[in-house]
């Protein structure tokens, strides 16, 4: 993920709008795979970094982290099963 920050870390103003669009797309995703597809749209060419671009990169990475955490299964044995779980309810 740090590599992504460096890749994103430097677009000029013309690329700033493109990064904002990508950030919005990543943050609107509901699954990690959706976010990964959106992150692949980040420009891969050598560009200069500034504080605005770095802030966008941080926001994209924060959204990806939330997606990964949301997708992670719980280890709490007392947690309620996820809605739509394949497990049948316990017998009385």
PDB file of N, CA and C in Angstrom:
ATOM      1  N   UNK A   1       0.816  -1.189   0.000  1.00  0.00           N
ATOM      2  CA  UNK A   1       0.000   0.000   0.000  1.00  0.00           C
ATOM      3  C   UNK A   1       0.861   1.254   0.000  1.00  0.00           C
ATOM      4  N   UNK A   2       2.027   1.164   0.603  1.00  0.00           N
ATOM      5  CA  UNK A   2       2.922   2.316   0.605  1.00  0.00           C
ATOM      6  C   UNK A   2       3.348   2.646  -0.818  1.00  0.00           C
ATOM      7  N   UNK A   3       3.560   1.613  -1.633  1.00  0.00           N
ATOM      8  CA  UNK A   3       3.950   1.837  -3.021  1.00  0.00           C
ATOM      9  C   UNK A   3       2.881   2.628  -3.761  1.00  0.00           C
ATOM     10  N   UNK A   4       1.627   2.382  -3.454  1.00  0.00           N
ATOM     11  CA  UNK A   4       0.539   3.106  -4.102  1.00  0.00           C
ATOM     12  C   UNK A   4       0.629   4.584  -3.764  1.00  0.00           C
ATOM     13  N   UNK A   5       0.970   4.882  -2.509  1.00  0.00           N
ATOM     14  CA  UNK A   5       1.083   6.276  -2.105  1.00  0.00           C
ATOM     15  C   UNK A   5       2.183   6.966  -2.895  1.00  0.00           C
ATOM     16  N   UNK A   6       3.274   6.256  -3.162  1.00  0.00           N
ATOM     17  CA  UNK A   6       4.343   6.856  -3.945  1.00  0.00           C
ATOM     18  C   UNK A   6       3.944   7.017  -5.406  1.00  0.00           C
ATOM     19  N   UNK A   7       3.187   6.057  -5.926  1.00  0.00           N
ATOM     20  CA  UNK A   7       2.738   6.168  -7.311  1.00  0.00           C
ATOM     21  C   UNK A   7       1.762   7.317  -7.470  1.00  0.00           C
ATOM     22  N   UNK A   8       0.854   7.430  -6.510  1.00  0.00           N
ATOM     23  CA  UNK A   8      -0.137   8.490  -6.556  1.00  0.00           C
ATOM     24  C   UNK A   8       0.509   9.797  -6.144  1.00  0.00           C
ATOM     25  N   UNK A   9       1.567   9.691  -5.392  1.00  0.00           N
ATOM     26  CA  UNK A   9       2.177  10.824  -4.756  1.00  0.00           C
ATOM     27  C   UNK A   9       2.638  11.942  -5.651  1.00  0.00           C
ATOM     28  N   UNK A  10       2.369  11.935  -6.916  1.00  0.00           N
ATOM     29  CA  UNK A  10       2.853  13.052  -7.662  1.00  0.00           C
ATOM     30  C   UNK A  10       2.168  13.338  -8.963  1.00  0.00           C
ATOM     31  N   UNK A  11       1.013  13.831  -8.956  1.00  0.00           N
ATOM     32  CA  UNK A  11       0.381  14.292 -10.187  1.00  0.00           C
ATOM     33  C   UNK A  11       0.330  15.810 -10.174  1.00  0.00           C
ATOM     34  N   UNK A  12       0.408  16.386 -11.332  1.00  0.00           N
ATOM     35  CA  UNK A  12       0.259  17.837 -11.442  1.00  0.00           C
ATOM     36  C   UNK A  12      -1.228  18.172 -11.347  1.00  0.00           C
ATOM     37  N   UNK A  13      -1.551  19.448 -11.366  1.00  0.00           N
ATOM     38  CA  UNK A  13      -2.945  19.871 -11.233  1.00  0.00           C
ATOM     39  C   UNK A  13      -3.859  19.215 -12.261  1.00  0.00           C
ATOM     40  N   UNK A  14      -3.349  18.974 -13.469  1.00  0.00           N
ATOM     41  CA  UNK A  14      -4.196  18.343 -14.489  1.00  0.00           C
ATOM     42  C   UNK A  14      -4.598  16.936 -14.081  1.00  0.00           C
ATOM     43  N   UNK A  15      -3.779  16.272 -13.290  1.00  0.00           N
ATOM     44  CA  UNK A  15      -4.100  14.930 -12.831  1.00  0.00           C
ATOM     45  C   UNK A  15      -4.850  14.913 -11.521  1.00  0.00           C
ATOM     46  N   UNK A  16      -4.941  16.065 -10.869  1.00  0.00           N
ATOM     47  CA  UNK A  16      -5.602  16.143  -9.574  1.00  0.00           C
ATOM     48  C   UNK A  16      -7.077  15.762  -9.680  1.00  0.00           C
ATOM     49  N   UNK A  17      -7.751  16.238 -10.692  1.00  0.00           N
ATOM     50  CA  UNK A  17      -9.162  15.898 -10.884  1.00  0.00           C
ATOM     51  C   UNK A  17      -9.338  14.408 -11.153  1.00  0.00           C
ATOM     52  N   UNK A  18      -8.414  13.832 -11.918  1.00  0.00           N
ATOM     53  CA  UNK A  18      -8.474  12.401 -12.197  1.00  0.00           C
ATOM     54  C   UNK A  18      -8.324  11.612 -10.887  1.00  0.00           C
ATOM     55  N   UNK A  19      -7.412  12.037 -10.031  1.00  0.00           N
ATOM     56  CA  UNK A  19      -7.216  11.362  -8.755  1.00  0.00           C
ATOM     57  C   UNK A  19      -8.431  11.523  -7.843  1.00  0.00           C
ATOM     58  N   UNK A  20      -9.067  12.681  -7.885  1.00  0.00           N
ATOM     59  CA  UNK A  20     -10.273  12.880  -7.082  1.00  0.00           C
ATOM     60  C   UNK A  20     -11.378  11.928  -7.537  1.00  0.00           C
ATOM     61  N   UNK A  21     -11.494  11.751  -8.838  1.00  0.00           N
ATOM     62  CA  UNK A  21     -12.496  10.838  -9.385  1.00  0.00           C
ATOM     63  C   UNK A  21     -12.206   9.402  -8.949  1.00  0.00           C
ATOM     64  N   UNK A  22     -10.945   9.019  -9.015  1.00  0.00           N
ATOM     65  CA  UNK A  22     -10.554   7.672  -8.597  1.00  0.00           C
ATOM     66  C   UNK A  22     -10.794   7.497  -7.104  1.00  0.00           C
ATOM     67  N   UNK A  23     -10.448   8.515  -6.308  1.00  0.00           N
ATOM     68  CA  UNK A  23     -10.690   8.446  -4.863  1.00  0.00           C
ATOM     69  C   UNK A  23     -12.178   8.244  -4.573  1.00  0.00           C
ATOM     70  N   UNK A  24     -13.017   9.005  -5.253  1.00  0.00           N
ATOM     71  CA  UNK A  24     -14.463   8.885  -5.063  1.00  0.00           C
ATOM     72  C   UNK A  24     -14.952   7.486  -5.428  1.00  0.00           C
ATOM     73  N   UNK A  25     -14.391   6.937  -6.491  1.00  0.00           N
ATOM     74  CA  UNK A  25     -14.777   5.597  -6.929  1.00  0.00           C
ATOM     75  C   UNK A  25     -14.342   4.545  -5.898  1.00  0.00           C
ATOM     76  N   UNK A  26     -13.104   4.653  -5.411  1.00  0.00           N
ATOM     77  CA  UNK A  26     -12.597   3.711  -4.414  1.00  0.00           C
ATOM     78  C   UNK A  26     -13.447   3.790  -3.146  1.00  0.00           C
ATOM     79  N   UNK A  27     -13.724   4.991  -2.692  1.00  0.00           N
ATOM     80  CA  UNK A  27     -14.471   5.171  -1.449  1.00  0.00           C
ATOM     81  C   UNK A  27     -15.946   4.782  -1.581  1.00  0.00           C
ATOM     82  N   UNK A  28     -16.465   4.705  -2.799  1.00  0.00           N
ATOM     83  CA  UNK A  28     -17.845   4.281  -3.008  1.00  0.00           C
ATOM     84  C   UNK A  28     -17.976   2.760  -3.089  1.00  0.00           C
ATOM     85  N   UNK A  29     -16.863   2.066  -3.205  1.00  0.00           N
ATOM     86  CA  UNK A  29     -16.888   0.605  -3.340  1.00  0.00           C
ATOM     87  C   UNK A  29     -17.374  -0.053  -2.058  1.00  0.00           C
ATOM     88  N   UNK A  30     -17.983  -1.218  -2.230  1.00  0.00           N
ATOM     89  CA  UNK A  30     -18.489  -2.015  -1.107  1.00  0.00           C
ATOM     90  C   UNK A  30     -17.644  -3.261  -0.866  1.00  0.00           C
ATOM     91  N   UNK A  31     -16.754  -3.607  -1.821  1.00  0.00           N
ATOM     92  CA  UNK A  31     -15.908  -4.791  -1.686  1.00  0.00           C
ATOM     93  C   UNK A  31     -14.460  -4.439  -1.991  1.00  0.00           C
ATOM     94  N   UNK A  32     -13.526  -5.200  -1.413  1.00  0.00           N
ATOM     95  CA  UNK A  32     -12.117  -4.948  -1.712  1.00  0.00           C
ATOM     96  C   UNK A  32     -11.784  -5.114  -3.196  1.00  0.00           C
ATOM     97  N   UNK A  33     -12.403  -6.059  -3.861  1.00  0.00           N
ATOM     98  CA  UNK A  33     -12.101  -6.258  -5.284  1.00  0.00           C
ATOM     99  C   UNK A  33     -12.515  -5.050  -6.114  1.00  0.00           C
ATOM    100  N   UNK A  34     -13.621  -4.427  -5.767  1.00  0.00           N
ATOM    101  CA  UNK A  34     -14.049  -3.205  -6.450  1.00  0.00           C
ATOM    102  C   UNK A  34     -13.013  -2.100  -6.249  1.00  0.00           C
ATOM    103  N   UNK A  35     -12.553  -1.952  -5.014  1.00  0.00           N
ATOM    104  CA  UNK A  35     -11.538  -0.941  -4.710  1.00  0.00           C
ATOM    105  C   UNK A  35     -10.239  -1.191  -5.449  1.00  0.00           C
ATOM    106  N   UNK A  36      -9.849  -2.455  -5.554  1.00  0.00           N
ATOM    107  CA  UNK A  36      -8.614  -2.792  -6.255  1.00  0.00           C
ATOM    108  C   UNK A  36      -8.713  -2.451  -7.738  1.00  0.00           C
ATOM    109  N   UNK A  37      -9.871  -2.699  -8.326  1.00  0.00           N
ATOM    110  CA  UNK A  37     -10.080  -2.353  -9.739  1.00  0.00           C
ATOM    111  C   UNK A  37      -9.961  -0.841  -9.920  1.00  0.00           C
ATOM    112  N   UNK A  38     -10.565  -0.090  -9.023  1.00  0.00           N
ATOM    113  CA  UNK A  38     -10.488   1.373  -9.113  1.00  0.00           C
ATOM    114  C   UNK A  38      -9.056   1.856  -8.911  1.00  0.00           C
ATOM    115  N   UNK A  39      -8.330   1.243  -7.978  1.00  0.00           N
ATOM    116  CA  UNK A  39      -6.951   1.663  -7.707  1.00  0.00           C
ATOM    117  C   UNK A  39      -6.035   1.420  -8.907  1.00  0.00           C
ATOM    118  N   UNK A  40      -6.379   0.473  -9.750  1.00  0.00           N
ATOM    119  CA  UNK A  40      -5.565   0.211 -10.944  1.00  0.00           C
ATOM    120  C   UNK A  40      -5.638   1.362 -11.936  1.00  0.00           C
ATOM    121  N   UNK A  41      -6.584   2.260 -11.753  1.00  0.00           N
ATOM    122  CA  UNK A  41      -6.724   3.406 -12.643  1.00  0.00           C
ATOM    123  C   UNK A  41      -5.772   4.546 -12.281  1.00  0.00           C
ATOM    124  N   UNK A  42      -5.082   4.408 -11.143  1.00  0.00           N
ATOM    125  CA  UNK A  42      -4.142   5.449 -10.717  1.00  0.00           C
ATOM    126  C   UNK A  42      -3.008   5.529 -11.736  1.00  0.00           C
ATOM    127  N   UNK A  43      -2.671   6.729 -12.195  1.00  0.00           N
ATOM    128  CA  UNK A  43      -1.606   6.882 -13.192  1.00  0.00           C
ATOM    129  C   UNK A  43      -0.291   6.275 -12.704  1.00  0.00           C
ATOM    130  N   UNK A  44       0.402   5.590 -13.608  1.00  0.00           N
ATOM    131  CA  UNK A  44       1.642   4.915 -13.259  1.00  0.00           C
ATOM    132  C   UNK A  44       2.887   5.674 -13.729  1.00  0.00           C
ATOM    133  N   UNK A  45       2.725   6.817 -14.352  1.00  0.00           N
ATOM    134  CA  UNK A  45       3.875   7.549 -14.872  1.00  0.00           C
ATOM    135  C   UNK A  45       4.537   8.377 -13.773  1.00  0.00           C
ATOM    136  N   UNK A  46       5.759   8.801 -14.033  1.00  0.00           N
ATOM    137  CA  UNK A  46       6.533   9.589 -13.069  1.00  0.00           C
ATOM    138  C   UNK A  46       5.983  11.012 -13.014  1.00  0.00           C
ATOM    139  N   UNK A  47       5.528  11.412 -11.836  1.00  0.00           N
ATOM    140  CA  UNK A  47       4.944  12.737 -11.657  1.00  0.00           C
ATOM    141  C   UNK A  47       5.434  13.335 -10.344  1.00  0.00           C
ATOM    142  N   UNK A  48       5.286  14.640 -10.193  1.00  0.00           N
ATOM    143  CA  UNK A  48       5.720  15.316  -8.967  1.00  0.00           C
ATOM    144  C   UNK A  48       4.630  15.282  -7.904  1.00  0.00           C
ATOM    145  N   UNK A  49       5.065  15.249  -6.664  1.00  0.00           N
ATOM    146  CA  UNK A  49       4.144  15.158  -5.538  1.00  0.00           C
ATOM    147  C   UNK A  49       3.926  16.525  -4.901  1.00  0.00           C
ATOM    148  N   UNK A  50       2.746  16.723  -4.348  1.00  0.00           N
ATOM    149  CA  UNK A  50       2.481  17.887  -3.510  1.00  0.00           C
ATOM    150  C   UNK A  50       1.510  17.474  -2.414  1.00  0.00           C
ATOM    151  N   UNK A  51       1.216  18.382  -1.504  1.00  0.00           N
ATOM    152  CA  UNK A  51       0.388  18.044  -0.349  1.00  0.00           C
ATOM    153  C   UNK A  51      -1.028  17.615  -0.731  1.00  0.00           C
ATOM    154  N   UNK A  52      -1.579  18.191  -1.798  1.00  0.00           N
ATOM    155  CA  UNK A  52      -2.941  17.828  -2.217  1.00  0.00           C
ATOM    156  C   UNK A  52      -2.999  16.400  -2.745  1.00  0.00           C
ATOM    157  N   UNK A  53      -2.010  16.035  -3.530  1.00  0.00           N
ATOM    158  CA  UNK A  53      -1.952  14.689  -4.094  1.00  0.00           C
ATOM    159  C   UNK A  53      -1.714  13.666  -2.987  1.00  0.00           C
ATOM    160  N   UNK A  54      -0.857  13.995  -2.058  1.00  0.00           N
ATOM    161  CA  UNK A  54      -0.591  13.087  -0.946  1.00  0.00           C
ATOM    162  C   UNK A  54      -1.831  12.904  -0.079  1.00  0.00           C
ATOM    163  N   UNK A  55      -2.601  13.954   0.103  1.00  0.00           N
ATOM    164  CA  UNK A  55      -3.844  13.853   0.874  1.00  0.00           C
ATOM    165  C   UNK A  55      -4.842  12.935   0.161  1.00  0.00           C
ATOM    166  N   UNK A  56      -4.938  13.050  -1.156  1.00  0.00           N
ATOM    167  CA  UNK A  56      -5.821  12.164  -1.924  1.00  0.00           C
ATOM    168  C   UNK A  56      -5.361  10.711  -1.813  1.00  0.00           C
ATOM    169  N   UNK A  57      -4.057  10.504  -1.896  1.00  0.00           N
ATOM    170  CA  UNK A  57      -3.517   9.147  -1.771  1.00  0.00           C
ATOM    171  C   UNK A  57      -3.848   8.570  -0.405  1.00  0.00           C
ATOM    172  N   UNK A  58      -3.701   9.361   0.633  1.00  0.00           N
ATOM    173  CA  UNK A  58      -4.027   8.898   1.984  1.00  0.00           C
ATOM    174  C   UNK A  58      -5.507   8.557   2.113  1.00  0.00           C
ATOM    175  N   UNK A  59      -6.370   9.358   1.505  1.00  0.00           N
ATOM    176  CA  UNK A  59      -7.812   9.089   1.549  1.00  0.00           C
ATOM    177  C   UNK A  59      -8.141   7.790   0.821  1.00  0.00           C
ATOM    178  N   UNK A  60      -7.503   7.560  -0.331  1.00  0.00           N
ATOM    179  CA  UNK A  60      -7.744   6.317  -1.065  1.00  0.00           C
ATOM    180  C   UNK A  60      -7.297   5.113  -0.244  1.00  0.00           C
ATOM    181  N   UNK A  61      -6.128   5.216   0.373  1.00  0.00           N
ATOM    182  CA  UNK A  61      -5.618   4.111   1.183  1.00  0.00           C
ATOM    183  C   UNK A  61      -6.493   3.873   2.405  1.00  0.00           C
ATOM    184  N   UNK A  62      -7.018   4.930   2.997  1.00  0.00           N
ATOM    185  CA  UNK A  62      -7.916   4.771   4.148  1.00  0.00           C
ATOM    186  C   UNK A  62      -9.197   4.051   3.722  1.00  0.00           C
ATOM    187  N   UNK A  63      -9.729   4.396   2.553  1.00  0.00           N
ATOM    188  CA  UNK A  63     -10.927   3.718   2.055  1.00  0.00           C
ATOM    189  C   UNK A  63     -10.639   2.242   1.778  1.00  0.00           C
ATOM    190  N   UNK A  64      -9.471   1.949   1.204  1.00  0.00           N
ATOM    191  CA  UNK A  64      -9.115   0.550   0.950  1.00  0.00           C
ATOM    192  C   UNK A  64      -8.965  -0.210   2.261  1.00  0.00           C
ATOM    193  N   UNK A  65      -8.369   0.409   3.257  1.00  0.00           N
ATOM    194  CA  UNK A  65      -8.207  -0.248   4.557  1.00  0.00           C
ATOM    195  C   UNK A  65      -9.574  -0.577   5.160  1.00  0.00           C
ATOM    196  N   UNK A  66     -10.523   0.335   5.044  1.00  0.00           N
ATOM    197  CA  UNK A  66     -11.880   0.083   5.557  1.00  0.00           C
ATOM    198  C   UNK A  66     -12.538  -1.081   4.817  1.00  0.00           C
ATOM    199  N   UNK A  67     -12.318  -1.143   3.508  1.00  0.00           N
ATOM    200  CA  UNK A  67     -12.891  -2.242   2.730  1.00  0.00           C
ATOM    201  C   UNK A  67     -12.315  -3.585   3.179  1.00  0.00           C
ATOM    202  N   UNK A  68     -10.998  -3.622   3.375  1.00  0.00           N
ATOM    203  CA  UNK A  68     -10.361  -4.864   3.812  1.00  0.00           C
ATOM    204  C   UNK A  68     -10.822  -5.254   5.211  1.00  0.00           C
ATOM    205  N   UNK A  69     -10.968  -4.284   6.101  1.00  0.00           N
ATOM    206  CA  UNK A  69     -11.420  -4.588   7.457  1.00  0.00           C
ATOM    207  C   UNK A  69     -12.864  -5.077   7.468  1.00  0.00           C
ATOM    208  N   UNK A  70     -13.695  -4.473   6.658  1.00  0.00           N
ATOM    209  CA  UNK A  70     -15.104  -4.860   6.584  1.00  0.00           C
ATOM    210  C   UNK A  70     -15.244  -6.283   6.042  1.00  0.00           C
ATOM    211  N   UNK A  71     -14.356  -6.664   5.136  1.00  0.00           N
ATOM    212  CA  UNK A  71     -14.417  -7.970   4.496  1.00  0.00           C
ATOM    213  C   UNK A  71     -13.806  -9.074   5.364  1.00  0.00           C
ATOM    214  N   UNK A  72     -13.088  -8.682   6.379  1.00  0.00           N
ATOM    215  CA  UNK A  72     -12.391  -9.634   7.234  1.00  0.00           C
ATOM    216  C   UNK A  72     -13.383 -10.356   8.145  1.00  0.00           C
ATOM    217  N   UNK A  73     -13.273 -11.692   8.238  1.00  0.00           N
ATOM    218  CA  UNK A  73     -14.193 -12.411   9.119  1.00  0.00           C
ATOM    219  C   UNK A  73     -13.874 -12.126  10.586  1.00  0.00           C
ATOM    220  N   UNK A  74     -14.884 -12.172  11.423  1.00  0.00           N
ATOM    221  CA  UNK A  74     -14.699 -11.913  12.844  1.00  0.00           C
ATOM    222  C   UNK A  74     -14.144 -13.154  13.533  1.00  0.00           C
ATOM    223  N   UNK A  75     -13.401 -12.950  14.588  1.00  0.00           N
ATOM    224  CA  UNK A  75     -12.895 -14.059  15.398  1.00  0.00           C
ATOM    225  C   UNK A  75     -13.636 -14.138  16.720  1.00  0.00           C
ATOM    226  N   UNK A  76     -14.647 -13.313  16.880  1.00  0.00           N
ATOM    227  CA  UNK A  76     -15.443 -13.284  18.104  1.00  0.00           C
ATOM    228  C   UNK A  76     -16.463 -14.419  18.070  1.00  0.00           C
ATOM    229  N   UNK A  77     -16.342 -15.401  18.985  1.00  0.00           N
ATOM    230  CA  UNK A  77     -17.280 -16.523  18.967  1.00  0.00           C
ATOM    231  C   UNK A  77     -18.705 -16.126  19.350  1.00  0.00           C
ATOM    232  N   UNK A  78     -18.869 -14.982  19.998  1.00  0.00           N
ATOM    233  CA  UNK A  78     -20.192 -14.521  20.409  1.00  0.00           C
ATOM    234  C   UNK A  78     -20.840 -13.581  19.399  1.00  0.00           C
ATOM    235  N   UNK A  79     -20.132 -13.295  18.320  1.00  0.00           N
ATOM    236  CA  UNK A  79     -20.656 -12.360  17.318  1.00  0.00           C
ATOM    237  C   UNK A  79     -21.828 -12.991  16.576  1.00  0.00           C
ATOM    238  N   UNK A  80     -22.749 -12.137  16.202  1.00  0.00           N
ATOM    239  CA  UNK A  80     -23.896 -12.581  15.416  1.00  0.00           C
ATOM    240  C   UNK A  80     -23.401 -13.004  14.033  1.00  0.00           C
ATOM    241  N   UNK A  81     -23.970 -14.065  13.463  1.00  0.00           N
ATOM    242  CA  UNK A  81     -23.574 -14.446  12.107  1.00  0.00           C
ATOM    243  C   UNK A  81     -23.978 -13.372  11.113  1.00  0.00           C
ATOM    244  N   UNK A  82     -23.212 -13.271  10.063  1.00  0.00           N
ATOM    245  CA  UNK A  82     -23.499 -12.274   9.030  1.00  0.00           C
ATOM    246  C   UNK A  82     -24.839 -12.574   8.386  1.00  0.00           C
ATOM    247  N   UNK A  83     -25.543 -11.540   7.978  1.00  0.00           N
ATOM    248  CA  UNK A  83     -26.832 -11.706   7.312  1.00  0.00           C
ATOM    249  C   UNK A  83     -26.614 -12.484   6.020  1.00  0.00           C
ATOM    250  N   UNK A  84     -27.470 -13.434   5.780  1.00  0.00           N
ATOM    251  CA  UNK A  84     -27.330 -14.246   4.564  1.00  0.00           C
ATOM    252  C   UNK A  84     -26.320 -15.355   4.764  1.00  0.00           C
ATOM    253  N   UNK A  85     -25.979 -15.666   5.995  1.00  0.00           N
ATOM    254  CA  UNK A  85     -25.008 -16.706   6.278  1.00  0.00           C
ATOM    255  C   UNK A  85     -25.529 -18.056   5.813  1.00  0.00           C
ATOM    256  N   UNK A  86     -24.621 -18.914   5.398  1.00  0.00           N
ATOM    257  CA  UNK A  86     -24.989 -20.241   4.927  1.00  0.00           C
ATOM    258  C   UNK A  86     -25.289 -21.182   6.091  1.00  0.00           C
ATOM    259  N   UNK A  87     -24.949 -20.772   7.322  1.00  0.00           N
ATOM    260  CA  UNK A  87     -25.180 -21.614   8.489  1.00  0.00           C
ATOM    261  C   UNK A  87     -26.653 -21.620   8.869  1.00  0.00           C
ATOM    262  N   UNK A  88     -27.200 -22.822   9.099  1.00  0.00           N
ATOM    263  CA  UNK A  88     -28.583 -22.868   9.561  1.00  0.00           C
ATOM    264  C   UNK A  88     -28.651 -22.445  11.029  1.00  0.00           C
ATOM    265  N   UNK A  89     -29.793 -21.974  11.495  1.00  0.00           N
ATOM    266  CA  UNK A  89     -29.919 -21.582  12.901  1.00  0.00           C
ATOM    267  C   UNK A  89     -29.748 -22.802  13.809  1.00  0.00           C
ATOM    268  N   UNK A  90     -29.265 -22.572  15.014  1.00  0.00           N
ATOM    269  CA  UNK A  90     -29.050 -23.658  15.975  1.00  0.00           C
ATOM    270  C   UNK A  90     -30.384 -24.261  16.383  1.00  0.00           C
ATOM    271  N   UNK A  91     -30.379 -25.577  16.556  1.00  0.00           N
ATOM    272  CA  UNK A  91     -31.596 -26.288  16.978  1.00  0.00           C
ATOM    273  C   UNK A  91     -31.853 -26.044  18.460  1.00  0.00           C
ATOM    274  N   UNK A  92     -33.115 -25.947  18.903  1.00  0.00           N
ATOM    275  CA  UNK A  92     -33.412 -25.685  20.322  1.00  0.00           C
ATOM    276  C   UNK A  92     -33.144 -26.850  21.211  1.00  0.00           C
TER     277      UNK A  92
END
